[in-house]
Amino acid sequence: MKRGLILMILAAVLLSGCTASAGGLKEPVTFYYLLEQYTYGQDAQVFAPEQWEAAGHRQDLTYLLSLYLMGPSQEGHLSPLPRDTKVYSTKELDRDVFVNISDTGATLSDTAFTRACACLALTCFDLTDAQSVTVRSGMRSITMTRDTLILVDDSPMTTEETA
């Protein structure tokens, strides 16, 4: 009797594992990280999307952003935020999302902070129907909208000679 019960449980576990892996992600979400290498001045992607599983947490933005902060799983992708960054709070108000994270002022330059906020904004846009995302970190705050976020680096490379 015990042996039969154990075999049934084992079969159920094995079959459920096969079904989940064969069907892919049950509730996929897209997180956006930075590409490790890209060429300035080229019409190339700067951000690296990754699919993650959100089963049971699709509506929990704070949980998903905390999962995001664990960092990318694919080679060639970089987390834009320091490893010890924490999500303090998230708030959705109408079509605006507000994200409050730990202070990154000592570890991120303004440019790096802007790139990090762009990654967070893209991630939030994918997770919600927000039109704007405001990220606050210590004394810094940036608001980005779907319309103002540029997804490729199309800036010309300029070289200046100094005498």
C-alpha atoms as a PDB file:
ATOM      1  CA  MET A   1       0.000   0.000   0.000  1.00  0.00           C
ATOM      2  CA  LYS A   2       2.735   2.484   0.959  1.00  0.00           C
ATOM      3  CA  ARG A   3       4.773   1.520  -2.083  1.00  0.00           C
ATOM      4  CA  GLY A   4       1.781   2.169  -4.378  1.00  0.00           C
ATOM      5  CA  LEU A   5       1.148   5.556  -2.788  1.00  0.00           C
ATOM      6  CA  ILE A   6       4.794   6.527  -3.176  1.00  0.00           C
ATOM      7  CA  LEU A   7       4.758   5.467  -6.849  1.00  0.00           C
ATOM      8  CA  MET A   8       1.600   7.505  -7.484  1.00  0.00           C
ATOM      9  CA  ILE A   9       3.105  10.604  -5.853  1.00  0.00           C
ATOM     10  CA  LEU A  10       6.345  10.139  -7.781  1.00  0.00           C
ATOM     11  CA  ALA A  11       4.434   9.750 -11.050  1.00  0.00           C
ATOM     12  CA  ALA A  12       2.379  12.879 -10.317  1.00  0.00           C
ATOM     13  CA  VAL A  13       5.519  14.895  -9.570  1.00  0.00           C
ATOM     14  CA  LEU A  14       7.301  13.692 -12.690  1.00  0.00           C
ATOM     15  CA  LEU A  15       4.296  14.294 -14.935  1.00  0.00           C
ATOM     16  CA  SER A  16       3.691  17.779 -13.568  1.00  0.00           C
ATOM     17  CA  GLY A  17       7.342  18.648 -14.172  1.00  0.00           C
ATOM     18  CA  CYS A  18       7.172  17.410 -17.741  1.00  0.00           C
ATOM     19  CA  THR A  19       4.015  19.379 -18.429  1.00  0.00           C
ATOM     20  CA  ALA A  20       5.450  22.631 -17.070  1.00  0.00           C
ATOM     21  CA  SER A  21       8.689  22.366 -19.018  1.00  0.00           C
ATOM     22  CA  ALA A  22       6.989  21.288 -22.245  1.00  0.00           C
ATOM     23  CA  GLY A  23       4.520  24.184 -22.108  1.00  0.00           C
ATOM     24  CA  GLY A  24       7.141  26.842 -21.322  1.00  0.00           C
ATOM     25  CA  LEU A  25       6.382  29.643 -18.903  1.00  0.00           C
ATOM     26  CA  LYS A  26       2.878  29.699 -17.458  1.00  0.00           C
ATOM     27  CA  GLU A  27       2.743  33.462 -16.841  1.00  0.00           C
ATOM     28  CA  PRO A  28       5.708  35.039 -18.634  1.00  0.00           C
ATOM     29  CA  VAL A  29       6.820  38.597 -17.970  1.00  0.00           C
ATOM     30  CA  THR A  30       9.582  40.530 -19.669  1.00  0.00           C
ATOM     31  CA  PHE A  31      12.368  42.158 -17.687  1.00  0.00           C
ATOM     32  CA  TYR A  32      14.745  44.592 -19.380  1.00  0.00           C
ATOM     33  CA  TYR A  33      18.455  44.686 -18.598  1.00  0.00           C
ATOM     34  CA  LEU A  34      21.458  46.261 -20.323  1.00  0.00           C
ATOM     35  CA  LEU A  35      23.451  44.589 -23.029  1.00  0.00           C
ATOM     36  CA  GLU A  36      27.018  43.943 -21.929  1.00  0.00           C
ATOM     37  CA  GLN A  37      28.331  45.295 -25.208  1.00  0.00           C
ATOM     38  CA  TYR A  38      26.824  47.542 -27.830  1.00  0.00           C
ATOM     39  CA  THR A  39      28.275  49.983 -30.300  1.00  0.00           C
ATOM     40  CA  TYR A  40      27.685  53.692 -29.773  1.00  0.00           C
ATOM     41  CA  GLY A  41      26.365  55.515 -32.801  1.00  0.00           C
ATOM     42  CA  GLN A  42      24.899  52.353 -34.279  1.00  0.00           C
ATOM     43  CA  ASP A  43      21.199  51.689 -34.724  1.00  0.00           C
ATOM     44  CA  ALA A  44      21.458  48.783 -32.314  1.00  0.00           C
ATOM     45  CA  GLN A  45      19.587  47.613 -29.274  1.00  0.00           C
ATOM     46  CA  VAL A  46      20.824  48.917 -25.949  1.00  0.00           C
ATOM     47  CA  PHE A  47      18.390  46.983 -23.756  1.00  0.00           C
ATOM     48  CA  ALA A  48      18.201  43.226 -23.346  1.00  0.00           C
ATOM     49  CA  PRO A  49      14.775  41.649 -22.741  1.00  0.00           C
ATOM     50  CA  GLU A  50      14.480  38.423 -20.746  1.00  0.00           C
ATOM     51  CA  GLN A  51      11.436  36.263 -20.123  1.00  0.00           C
ATOM     52  CA  TRP A  52      10.788  35.329 -16.484  1.00  0.00           C
ATOM     53  CA  GLU A  53       8.075  33.314 -14.765  1.00  0.00           C
ATOM     54  CA  ALA A  54       5.505  35.304 -12.757  1.00  0.00           C
ATOM     55  CA  ALA A  55       3.036  32.528 -11.927  1.00  0.00           C
ATOM     56  CA  GLY A  56       0.834  33.638  -9.058  1.00  0.00           C
ATOM     57  CA  HIS A  57       2.446  37.085  -8.827  1.00  0.00           C
ATOM     58  CA  ARG A  58       1.460  38.758 -12.117  1.00  0.00           C
ATOM     59  CA  GLN A  59      -0.381  41.577 -10.290  1.00  0.00           C
ATOM     60  CA  ASP A  60       2.270  42.103  -7.570  1.00  0.00           C
ATOM     61  CA  LEU A  61       4.584  44.783  -8.959  1.00  0.00           C
ATOM     62  CA  THR A  62       6.735  45.003  -5.821  1.00  0.00           C
ATOM     63  CA  TYR A  63       7.374  41.242  -5.906  1.00  0.00           C
ATOM     64  CA  LEU A  64       8.177  41.279  -9.630  1.00  0.00           C
ATOM     65  CA  LEU A  65      10.608  44.190  -9.309  1.00  0.00           C
ATOM     66  CA  SER A  66      12.289  42.443  -6.369  1.00  0.00           C
ATOM     67  CA  LEU A  67      12.631  39.394  -8.630  1.00  0.00           C
ATOM     68  CA  TYR A  68      14.004  41.698 -11.342  1.00  0.00           C
ATOM     69  CA  LEU A  69      16.690  42.938  -8.962  1.00  0.00           C
ATOM     70  CA  MET A  70      18.076  39.403  -8.669  1.00  0.00           C
ATOM     71  CA  GLY A  71      19.697  40.197 -12.020  1.00  0.00           C
ATOM     72  CA  PRO A  72      19.681  38.722 -15.490  1.00  0.00           C
ATOM     73  CA  SER A  73      19.955  35.027 -16.184  1.00  0.00           C
ATOM     74  CA  GLN A  74      21.395  35.233 -19.699  1.00  0.00           C
ATOM     75  CA  GLU A  75      25.019  35.785 -20.651  1.00  0.00           C
ATOM     76  CA  GLY A  76      25.724  39.148 -22.188  1.00  0.00           C
ATOM     77  CA  HIS A  77      23.073  40.878 -20.077  1.00  0.00           C
ATOM     78  CA  LEU A  78      23.920  43.172 -17.165  1.00  0.00           C
ATOM     79  CA  SER A  79      21.864  44.422 -14.267  1.00  0.00           C
ATOM     80  CA  PRO A  80      21.770  48.230 -14.397  1.00  0.00           C
ATOM     81  CA  LEU A  81      21.485  48.493 -10.615  1.00  0.00           C
ATOM     82  CA  PRO A  82      23.896  47.555  -7.825  1.00  0.00           C
ATOM     83  CA  ARG A  83      23.369  44.076  -6.404  1.00  0.00           C
ATOM     84  CA  ASP A  84      22.264  45.358  -2.984  1.00  0.00           C
ATOM     85  CA  THR A  85      19.461  47.576  -4.378  1.00  0.00           C
ATOM     86  CA  LYS A  86      16.075  47.014  -2.743  1.00  0.00           C
ATOM     87  CA  VAL A  87      12.535  47.927  -3.752  1.00  0.00           C
ATOM     88  CA  TYR A  88      11.037  49.950  -0.906  1.00  0.00           C
ATOM     89  CA  SER A  89       7.630  50.510  -2.473  1.00  0.00           C
ATOM     90  CA  THR A  90       5.612  50.633  -5.656  1.00  0.00           C
ATOM     91  CA  LYS A  91       2.397  52.519  -6.275  1.00  0.00           C
ATOM     92  CA  GLU A  92       0.072  52.525  -9.251  1.00  0.00           C
ATOM     93  CA  LEU A  93      -2.096  55.615  -9.553  1.00  0.00           C
ATOM     94  CA  ASP A  94      -4.287  55.940 -12.626  1.00  0.00           C
ATOM     95  CA  ARG A  95      -1.823  55.328 -15.482  1.00  0.00           C
ATOM     96  CA  ASP A  96       1.278  56.304 -13.496  1.00  0.00           C
ATOM     97  CA  VAL A  97       3.652  53.985 -11.643  1.00  0.00           C
ATOM     98  CA  PHE A  98       5.898  55.148  -8.805  1.00  0.00           C
ATOM     99  CA  VAL A  99       8.862  53.009  -7.753  1.00  0.00           C
ATOM    100  CA  ASN A 100      10.924  53.828  -4.677  1.00  0.00           C
ATOM    101  CA  ILE A 101      14.263  51.997  -4.480  1.00  0.00           C
ATOM    102  CA  SER A 102      17.206  52.196  -2.107  1.00  0.00           C
ATOM    103  CA  ASP A 103      19.666  55.063  -2.532  1.00  0.00           C
ATOM    104  CA  THR A 104      22.093  54.420  -5.402  1.00  0.00           C
ATOM    105  CA  GLY A 105      23.709  57.869  -5.281  1.00  0.00           C
ATOM    106  CA  ALA A 106      27.046  56.582  -4.008  1.00  0.00           C
ATOM    107  CA  THR A 107      27.349  53.831  -6.619  1.00  0.00           C
ATOM    108  CA  LEU A 108      25.696  55.107  -9.824  1.00  0.00           C
ATOM    109  CA  SER A 109      26.604  58.169 -11.864  1.00  0.00           C
ATOM    110  CA  ASP A 110      23.723  60.243 -13.207  1.00  0.00           C
ATOM    111  CA  THR A 111      24.106  58.589 -16.611  1.00  0.00           C
ATOM    112  CA  ALA A 112      24.111  55.088 -15.129  1.00  0.00           C
ATOM    113  CA  PHE A 113      21.082  56.006 -13.012  1.00  0.00           C
ATOM    114  CA  THR A 114      19.237  57.186 -16.122  1.00  0.00           C
ATOM    115  CA  ARG A 115      20.010  53.886 -17.911  1.00  0.00           C
ATOM    116  CA  ALA A 116      18.852  51.949 -14.851  1.00  0.00           C
ATOM    117  CA  CYS A 117      15.612  53.935 -14.751  1.00  0.00           C
ATOM    118  CA  ALA A 118      15.059  53.245 -18.444  1.00  0.00           C
ATOM    119  CA  CYS A 119      15.375  49.500 -17.772  1.00  0.00           C
ATOM    120  CA  LEU A 120      12.973  49.754 -14.835  1.00  0.00           C
ATOM    121  CA  ALA A 121      10.533  51.851 -16.869  1.00  0.00           C
ATOM    122  CA  LEU A 122      10.546  49.364 -19.764  1.00  0.00           C
ATOM    123  CA  THR A 123       9.963  46.547 -17.298  1.00  0.00           C
ATOM    124  CA  CYS A 124       7.081  48.424 -15.621  1.00  0.00           C
ATOM    125  CA  PHE A 125       5.547  49.286 -18.997  1.00  0.00           C
ATOM    126  CA  ASP A 126       5.541  45.586 -19.830  1.00  0.00           C
ATOM    127  CA  LEU A 127       4.038  44.635 -16.449  1.00  0.00           C
ATOM    128  CA  THR A 128       1.357  47.347 -16.299  1.00  0.00           C
ATOM    129  CA  ASP A 129      -0.650  49.614 -18.579  1.00  0.00           C
ATOM    130  CA  ALA A 130       1.129  52.675 -17.191  1.00  0.00           C
ATOM    131  CA  GLN A 131       1.887  55.657 -19.401  1.00  0.00           C
ATOM    132  CA  SER A 132       4.614  56.987 -17.098  1.00  0.00           C
ATOM    133  CA  VAL A 133       7.041  55.529 -14.573  1.00  0.00           C
ATOM    134  CA  THR A 134       8.733  57.575 -11.867  1.00  0.00           C
ATOM    135  CA  VAL A 135      11.751  56.042 -10.123  1.00  0.00           C
ATOM    136  CA  ARG A 136      12.977  57.598  -6.880  1.00  0.00           C
ATOM    137  CA  SER A 137      16.314  56.653  -5.348  1.00  0.00           C
ATOM    138  CA  GLY A 138      17.484  58.765  -2.441  1.00  0.00           C
ATOM    139  CA  MET A 139      17.477  62.386  -3.609  1.00  0.00           C
ATOM    140  CA  ARG A 140      17.221  61.485  -7.319  1.00  0.00           C
ATOM    141  CA  SER A 141      14.016  61.010  -9.248  1.00  0.00           C
ATOM    142  CA  ILE A 142      13.312  60.433 -12.934  1.00  0.00           C
ATOM    143  CA  THR A 143       9.981  60.189 -14.758  1.00  0.00           C
ATOM    144  CA  MET A 144       9.844  58.446 -18.127  1.00  0.00           C
ATOM    145  CA  THR A 145       6.900  57.986 -20.460  1.00  0.00           C
ATOM    146  CA  ARG A 146       6.254  55.481 -23.201  1.00  0.00           C
ATOM    147  CA  ASP A 147       6.553  58.285 -25.765  1.00  0.00           C
ATOM    148  CA  THR A 148       9.849  59.750 -24.579  1.00  0.00           C
ATOM    149  CA  LEU A 149      11.871  56.585 -24.060  1.00  0.00           C
ATOM    150  CA  ILE A 150      14.332  55.933 -26.907  1.00  0.00           C
ATOM    151  CA  LEU A 151      15.133  52.249 -27.310  1.00  0.00           C
ATOM    152  CA  VAL A 152      18.175  52.477 -29.561  1.00  0.00           C
ATOM    153  CA  ASP A 153      21.362  54.515 -29.524  1.00  0.00           C
ATOM    154  CA  ASP A 154      21.199  56.537 -32.724  1.00  0.00           C
ATOM    155  CA  SER A 155      23.449  59.368 -31.588  1.00  0.00           C
ATOM    156  CA  PRO A 156      26.274  60.329 -33.938  1.00  0.00           C
ATOM    157  CA  MET A 157      29.784  59.664 -32.739  1.00  0.00           C
ATOM    158  CA  THR A 158      31.625  62.918 -32.496  1.00  0.00           C
ATOM    159  CA  THR A 159      35.275  63.435 -31.933  1.00  0.00           C
ATOM    160  CA  GLU A 160      36.618  66.761 -30.841  1.00  0.00           C
ATOM    161  CA  GLU A 161      40.209  67.713 -31.220  1.00  0.00           C
ATOM    162  CA  THR A 162      41.769  69.735 -28.480  1.00  0.00           C
ATOM    163  CA  ALA A 163      44.859  71.805 -28.988  1.00  0.00           C
END
